[in-house]
Structure formats: structure tokens, C-alpha cells
Amino acid sequence: MKALLASQLIASLVVSTGAIELTTADWEEKTAGKTVFVKFFAPWCGHCKGMKPAWDKLMKNWNKGERAKTTLIADVDCTAETGKPLCDRIGVQGFPTIKWGDASSLEDYEGGRDYDALKKFAKESLKPLCSPMNLDLCDDEKKKIITEFQAMPAEELQTKIDEKKAEIKTAEETFEAEVKKLQDTYSKLQKEKEETVAGVKKSGLGLMQAVQAHAKKYAEKKEEL
């Protein structure tokens, strides 16, 4: 009985503070038709702990009133059994990962992680977006595209989605491969530079400079006499 009361108290506190932790089970229900801003985290992650106060404050100040009807700021614990399948499905690879937009087509958030930066982004970006659930927000061109996609057989639509994801994956792999080449070239040039500098110093540069300095001092003393 005490345990039940304690869990109810914790739940009520979470609701009253505006903090919302989504799970695989309630993701669809709680994000339906909303523009979301979600932090996928692990409790042991240092960066997650560092930004927790700012994120909790943002949830508390945002998830209320009229805004709560069309937008949502929330957490997902990727280490919990209730959240891990969702994180795997979305493709979370590091912590914290912050994403925003339509829940079915999330985009990476790359901005600052202090409260002011998060608040500024939320005010500018968390608005109802054009989607199959919000057709009234779509222009004629997007309505036409949505209608065409809705008319496609499920298998054909999935094939097109897979093709687009494959394009993104190819672009990412190409980028990573080219960056590695640049890193290898940098390492090679760095090594060559260090070897050249060491060779020049070893060839007598230091002694040359010492002789030159000694000669200058001797000349200055001679002038004084």
C-alpha cells in the first residue's frame, strides 16, 4: 500500500512539474499530431546530467496551457526497458540525442544546450507543422504530395522510404570516408613537418644561432670600448 502511494505521489509530482518521460508504449498516443522536442538520454551519461536542470526547467515551463495541445517537450530513457526499443527504432546512437519535429520524421537538434538556447529554439520552432494529421497547415503542393503517398500501396511506400534512407546513409558514409582521408593526410603532413624541423635543428641551426648571438655581443662590447 505504501509503495502504491509513493508511486502515485511521484507520478503526480512529475505531472505537476511538466516533466514527461515517454515510453515505447505511449509514444504514438502522446505525440500524435504534435510538434515534439525530445531528449533521448541515459541516466549515467555525464552530459545528460549536465543539461538535466535546463531541460527539466524547459519542460516545466513549456508543457502547459494551449501549447500542450499542439507541442510537447519530453524525455526518453534509452536504458530502461520501457524506452530502449523506441530509441533503437529511432536510431539513437549517443547520449544525449535531441530531436525535434513531427514524431514520424524527427530531425536532429544541433543547437546550444543551456536553458536560454533551448528556450529560444522552442519558441521559434515548436509550432504545429504540416502533416497528414494537420492537413489544414499544408499548402496545396504538400497536400498533393501527401495525397499521392497515401494512395500508394504500403509496400511501395516502404520501398521509397528505404531508398531515401539509403541515400542519406550513403551521404554519411561518403562524408566519414572523406574525413578519414583528410585526417590521414593531416597526420602524414604533421609527421613530415616534425621530422623536417627536427632534421634542420639537428643539422646545426642551434649552433648557428648561438654563434650569431655571440658575435653580436662581441661586436657590441667592442663598440663600447
Protein backbone atom coordinates (compact mmCIF):
# COMPACT_ATOMS: atom_id res chain seq x y z
CA MET A 1 0.00 0.00 0.00
CA LYS A 2 2.82 2.37 0.93
CA ALA A 3 4.63 1.55 -2.31
CA LEU A 4 1.48 2.30 -4.31
CA LEU A 5 1.00 5.65 -2.59
CA ALA A 6 4.65 6.51 -3.17
CA SER A 7 4.42 5.72 -6.88
CA GLN A 8 1.23 7.78 -7.18
CA LEU A 9 2.91 10.70 -5.41
CA ILE A 10 5.90 10.53 -7.75
CA ALA A 11 3.60 10.40 -10.77
CA SER A 12 1.65 13.43 -9.55
CA LEU A 13 4.86 15.37 -8.96
CA VAL A 14 6.07 14.56 -12.47
CA VAL A 15 2.81 15.81 -13.96
CA SER A 16 2.76 18.95 -11.81
CA THR A 17 6.29 19.91 -12.85
CA GLY A 18 5.54 19.41 -16.55
CA ALA A 19 8.21 16.71 -16.88
CA ILE A 20 7.16 13.98 -19.27
CA GLU A 21 9.05 10.74 -19.87
CA LEU A 22 7.80 8.94 -22.93
CA THR A 23 7.97 5.18 -23.47
CA THR A 24 7.67 2.85 -26.42
CA ALA A 25 4.11 2.07 -25.33
CA ASP A 26 2.78 5.63 -25.13
CA TRP A 27 4.93 7.36 -27.79
CA GLU A 28 2.30 7.21 -30.55
CA GLU A 29 -0.52 8.35 -28.28
CA LYS A 30 1.28 11.28 -26.63
CA THR A 31 2.99 12.63 -29.75
CA ALA A 32 0.09 12.24 -32.21
CA GLY A 33 -0.44 15.44 -34.18
CA LYS A 34 2.15 17.36 -32.15
CA THR A 35 5.47 19.01 -32.90
CA VAL A 36 7.88 17.48 -30.40
CA PHE A 37 11.25 18.30 -28.84
CA VAL A 38 12.67 15.16 -27.24
CA LYS A 39 15.84 14.35 -25.31
CA PHE A 40 16.92 10.71 -25.54
CA PHE A 41 19.22 10.07 -22.59
CA ALA A 42 20.98 7.59 -20.33
CA PRO A 43 20.97 8.27 -16.55
CA TRP A 44 24.72 7.54 -16.27
CA CYS A 45 25.67 9.96 -19.08
CA GLY A 46 27.68 12.95 -17.80
CA HIS A 47 26.45 15.34 -20.50
CA CYS A 48 22.86 14.22 -19.80
CA LYS A 49 23.29 15.02 -16.11
CA GLY A 50 24.84 18.37 -17.00
CA MET A 51 21.89 19.53 -19.09
CA LYS A 52 19.15 17.94 -16.96
CA PRO A 53 18.35 21.09 -14.91
CA ALA A 54 17.94 23.20 -18.05
CA TRP A 55 15.83 20.54 -19.80
CA ASP A 56 13.63 19.93 -16.75
CA LYS A 57 13.05 23.68 -16.43
CA LEU A 58 12.14 23.86 -20.11
CA MET A 59 9.61 21.01 -19.77
CA LYS A 60 8.11 22.60 -16.66
CA ASN A 61 7.65 25.99 -18.32
CA TRP A 62 6.52 24.68 -21.70
CA ASN A 63 4.17 21.72 -21.23
CA LYS A 64 1.07 23.60 -20.11
CA GLY A 65 -1.84 25.65 -21.40
CA GLU A 66 -2.61 25.96 -25.09
CA ARG A 67 0.91 24.94 -26.16
CA ALA A 68 0.43 21.47 -24.69
CA LYS A 69 -2.34 20.82 -27.23
CA THR A 70 -0.06 21.07 -30.26
CA THR A 71 3.50 20.67 -28.97
CA LEU A 72 5.41 18.53 -26.50
CA ILE A 73 8.82 18.62 -24.82
CA ALA A 74 9.78 15.30 -23.25
CA ASP A 75 12.41 12.77 -22.20
CA VAL A 76 13.06 9.16 -23.19
CA ASP A 77 15.28 6.94 -21.04
CA CYS A 78 17.08 4.75 -23.55
CA THR A 79 18.43 2.42 -20.87
CA ALA A 80 15.02 1.50 -19.46
CA GLU A 81 13.10 -1.48 -20.79
CA THR A 82 10.21 0.89 -21.47
CA GLY A 83 12.31 3.20 -23.65
CA LYS A 84 15.11 1.17 -25.25
CA PRO A 85 13.02 -0.30 -28.11
CA LEU A 86 11.88 3.22 -29.05
CA CYS A 87 15.46 4.54 -29.03
CA ASP A 88 16.59 1.61 -31.17
CA ARG A 89 13.78 2.22 -33.65
CA ILE A 90 14.59 5.91 -33.95
CA GLY A 91 18.30 5.18 -34.30
CA VAL A 92 19.70 6.90 -31.21
CA GLN A 93 23.47 6.29 -31.14
CA GLY A 94 24.81 8.61 -28.43
CA PHE A 95 23.64 10.45 -25.36
CA PRO A 96 22.07 12.83 -25.08
CA THR A 97 20.49 12.83 -28.53
CA ILE A 98 17.96 15.61 -29.03
CA LYS A 99 15.46 15.51 -31.86
CA TRP A 100 12.51 17.62 -32.87
CA GLY A 101 9.70 17.93 -35.42
CA ASP A 102 6.94 15.57 -36.42
CA ALA A 103 7.26 12.38 -34.36
CA SER A 104 7.28 10.24 -37.50
CA SER A 105 10.03 12.30 -39.16
CA LEU A 106 12.32 13.65 -36.47
CA GLU A 107 15.28 15.91 -37.18
CA ASP A 108 18.48 16.30 -35.16
CA TYR A 109 18.76 19.35 -32.92
CA GLU A 110 22.26 20.81 -33.16
CA GLY A 111 21.86 23.97 -31.09
CA GLY A 112 23.04 25.01 -27.65
CA ARG A 113 22.11 23.02 -24.57
CA ASP A 114 21.77 25.73 -21.96
CA TYR A 115 18.29 26.88 -20.95
CA ASP A 116 18.27 30.12 -22.95
CA ALA A 117 19.32 28.39 -26.19
CA LEU A 118 16.77 25.60 -25.75
CA LYS A 119 14.00 28.06 -24.90
CA LYS A 120 14.82 30.25 -27.92
CA PHE A 121 14.71 27.24 -30.25
CA ALA A 122 11.44 26.02 -28.76
CA LYS A 123 9.76 29.40 -29.22
CA GLU A 124 10.97 29.68 -32.82
CA SER A 125 10.41 26.10 -33.96
CA LEU A 126 7.80 24.29 -31.88
CA LYS A 127 4.73 25.16 -33.85
CA PRO A 128 2.08 22.96 -35.46
CA LEU A 129 3.56 21.56 -38.69
CA CYS A 130 2.11 20.34 -41.95
CA SER A 131 1.44 16.59 -41.65
CA PRO A 132 -1.23 14.01 -42.52
CA MET A 133 -2.85 14.86 -39.16
CA ASN A 134 -2.64 18.62 -39.76
CA LEU A 135 -3.56 18.99 -43.42
CA ASP A 136 -5.01 22.44 -42.81
CA LEU A 137 -1.44 23.66 -42.20
CA CYS A 138 -0.22 22.37 -45.57
CA ASP A 139 -0.08 24.35 -48.78
CA ASP A 140 -1.61 22.90 -51.95
CA GLU A 141 1.66 21.38 -53.14
CA LYS A 142 2.27 19.48 -49.89
CA LYS A 143 -1.37 18.38 -49.74
CA LYS A 144 -0.96 16.90 -53.21
CA ILE A 145 2.23 15.06 -52.20
CA ILE A 146 0.61 13.67 -49.05
CA THR A 147 -2.40 12.51 -51.07
CA GLU A 148 -0.11 10.73 -53.56
CA PHE A 149 1.77 8.98 -50.76
CA GLN A 150 -1.47 7.97 -49.06
CA ALA A 151 -2.67 6.40 -52.32
CA MET A 152 0.46 4.22 -52.63
CA PRO A 153 0.36 0.55 -51.62
CA ALA A 154 2.12 0.07 -48.27
CA GLU A 155 4.96 -1.96 -49.82
CA GLU A 156 5.68 0.70 -52.46
CA LEU A 157 5.71 3.46 -49.85
CA GLN A 158 8.09 1.44 -47.68
CA THR A 159 10.38 0.89 -50.67
CA LYS A 160 10.52 4.64 -51.35
CA ILE A 161 11.24 5.35 -47.68
CA ASP A 162 14.05 2.77 -47.70
CA GLU A 163 15.52 4.33 -50.86
CA LYS A 164 15.58 7.80 -49.30
CA LYS A 165 17.16 6.47 -46.10
CA ALA A 166 19.76 4.66 -48.20
CA GLU A 167 20.65 7.96 -49.91
CA ILE A 168 21.20 9.58 -46.52
CA LYS A 169 23.29 6.63 -45.32
CA THR A 170 25.43 6.79 -48.47
CA ALA A 171 26.00 10.53 -47.98
CA GLU A 172 27.01 9.96 -44.35
CA GLU A 173 29.37 7.12 -45.26
CA THR A 174 30.96 9.20 -48.04
CA PHE A 175 31.44 12.09 -45.64
CA GLU A 176 33.04 9.86 -43.00
CA ALA A 177 35.35 8.26 -45.57
CA GLU A 178 36.50 11.62 -46.93
CA VAL A 179 37.03 13.00 -43.42
CA LYS A 180 39.19 9.95 -42.62
CA LYS A 181 41.27 10.64 -45.73
CA LEU A 182 41.76 14.23 -44.58
CA GLN A 183 42.73 13.04 -41.12
CA ASP A 184 45.25 10.58 -42.58
CA THR A 185 46.68 13.32 -44.81
CA TYR A 186 46.92 15.67 -41.83
CA SER A 187 48.71 13.04 -39.77
CA LYS A 188 51.14 12.35 -42.61
CA LEU A 189 51.89 16.05 -43.14
CA GLN A 190 52.24 16.61 -39.40
CA LYS A 191 54.78 13.78 -39.17
CA GLU A 192 56.72 15.05 -42.19
CA LYS A 193 56.81 18.57 -40.72
CA GLU A 194 58.06 17.35 -37.35
CA GLU A 195 60.76 15.21 -38.99
CA THR A 196 61.88 18.13 -41.18
CA VAL A 197 62.03 20.55 -38.25
CA ALA A 198 63.96 18.03 -36.15
CA GLY A 199 66.38 17.41 -39.03
CA VAL A 200 67.02 21.13 -39.58
CA LYS A 201 67.68 21.70 -35.87
CA LYS A 202 69.97 18.68 -35.77
CA SER A 203 71.93 19.93 -38.79
CA GLY A 204 73.35 22.84 -36.82
CA LEU A 205 70.70 25.56 -36.70
CA GLY A 206 71.05 25.91 -32.95
CA LEU A 207 74.83 26.30 -33.14
CA MET A 208 74.48 28.80 -35.98
CA GLN A 209 72.15 30.92 -33.88
CA ALA A 210 74.46 30.63 -30.86
CA VAL A 211 77.46 31.74 -32.93
CA GLN A 212 75.46 34.63 -34.37
CA ALA A 213 74.34 35.78 -30.90
CA HIS A 214 77.89 35.52 -29.55
CA ALA A 215 79.25 37.53 -32.47
CA LYS A 216 76.66 40.28 -31.89
CA LYS A 217 77.53 40.52 -28.23
CA TYR A 218 81.26 40.64 -29.03
CA ALA A 219 80.66 43.38 -31.58
CA GLU A 220 78.60 45.42 -29.11
CA LYS A 221 81.31 45.18 -26.44
CA LYS A 222 83.96 46.16 -28.95
CA GLU A 223 81.94 49.27 -29.86
CA GLU A 224 81.66 50.22 -26.19
CA LEU A 225 85.43 50.11 -25.81
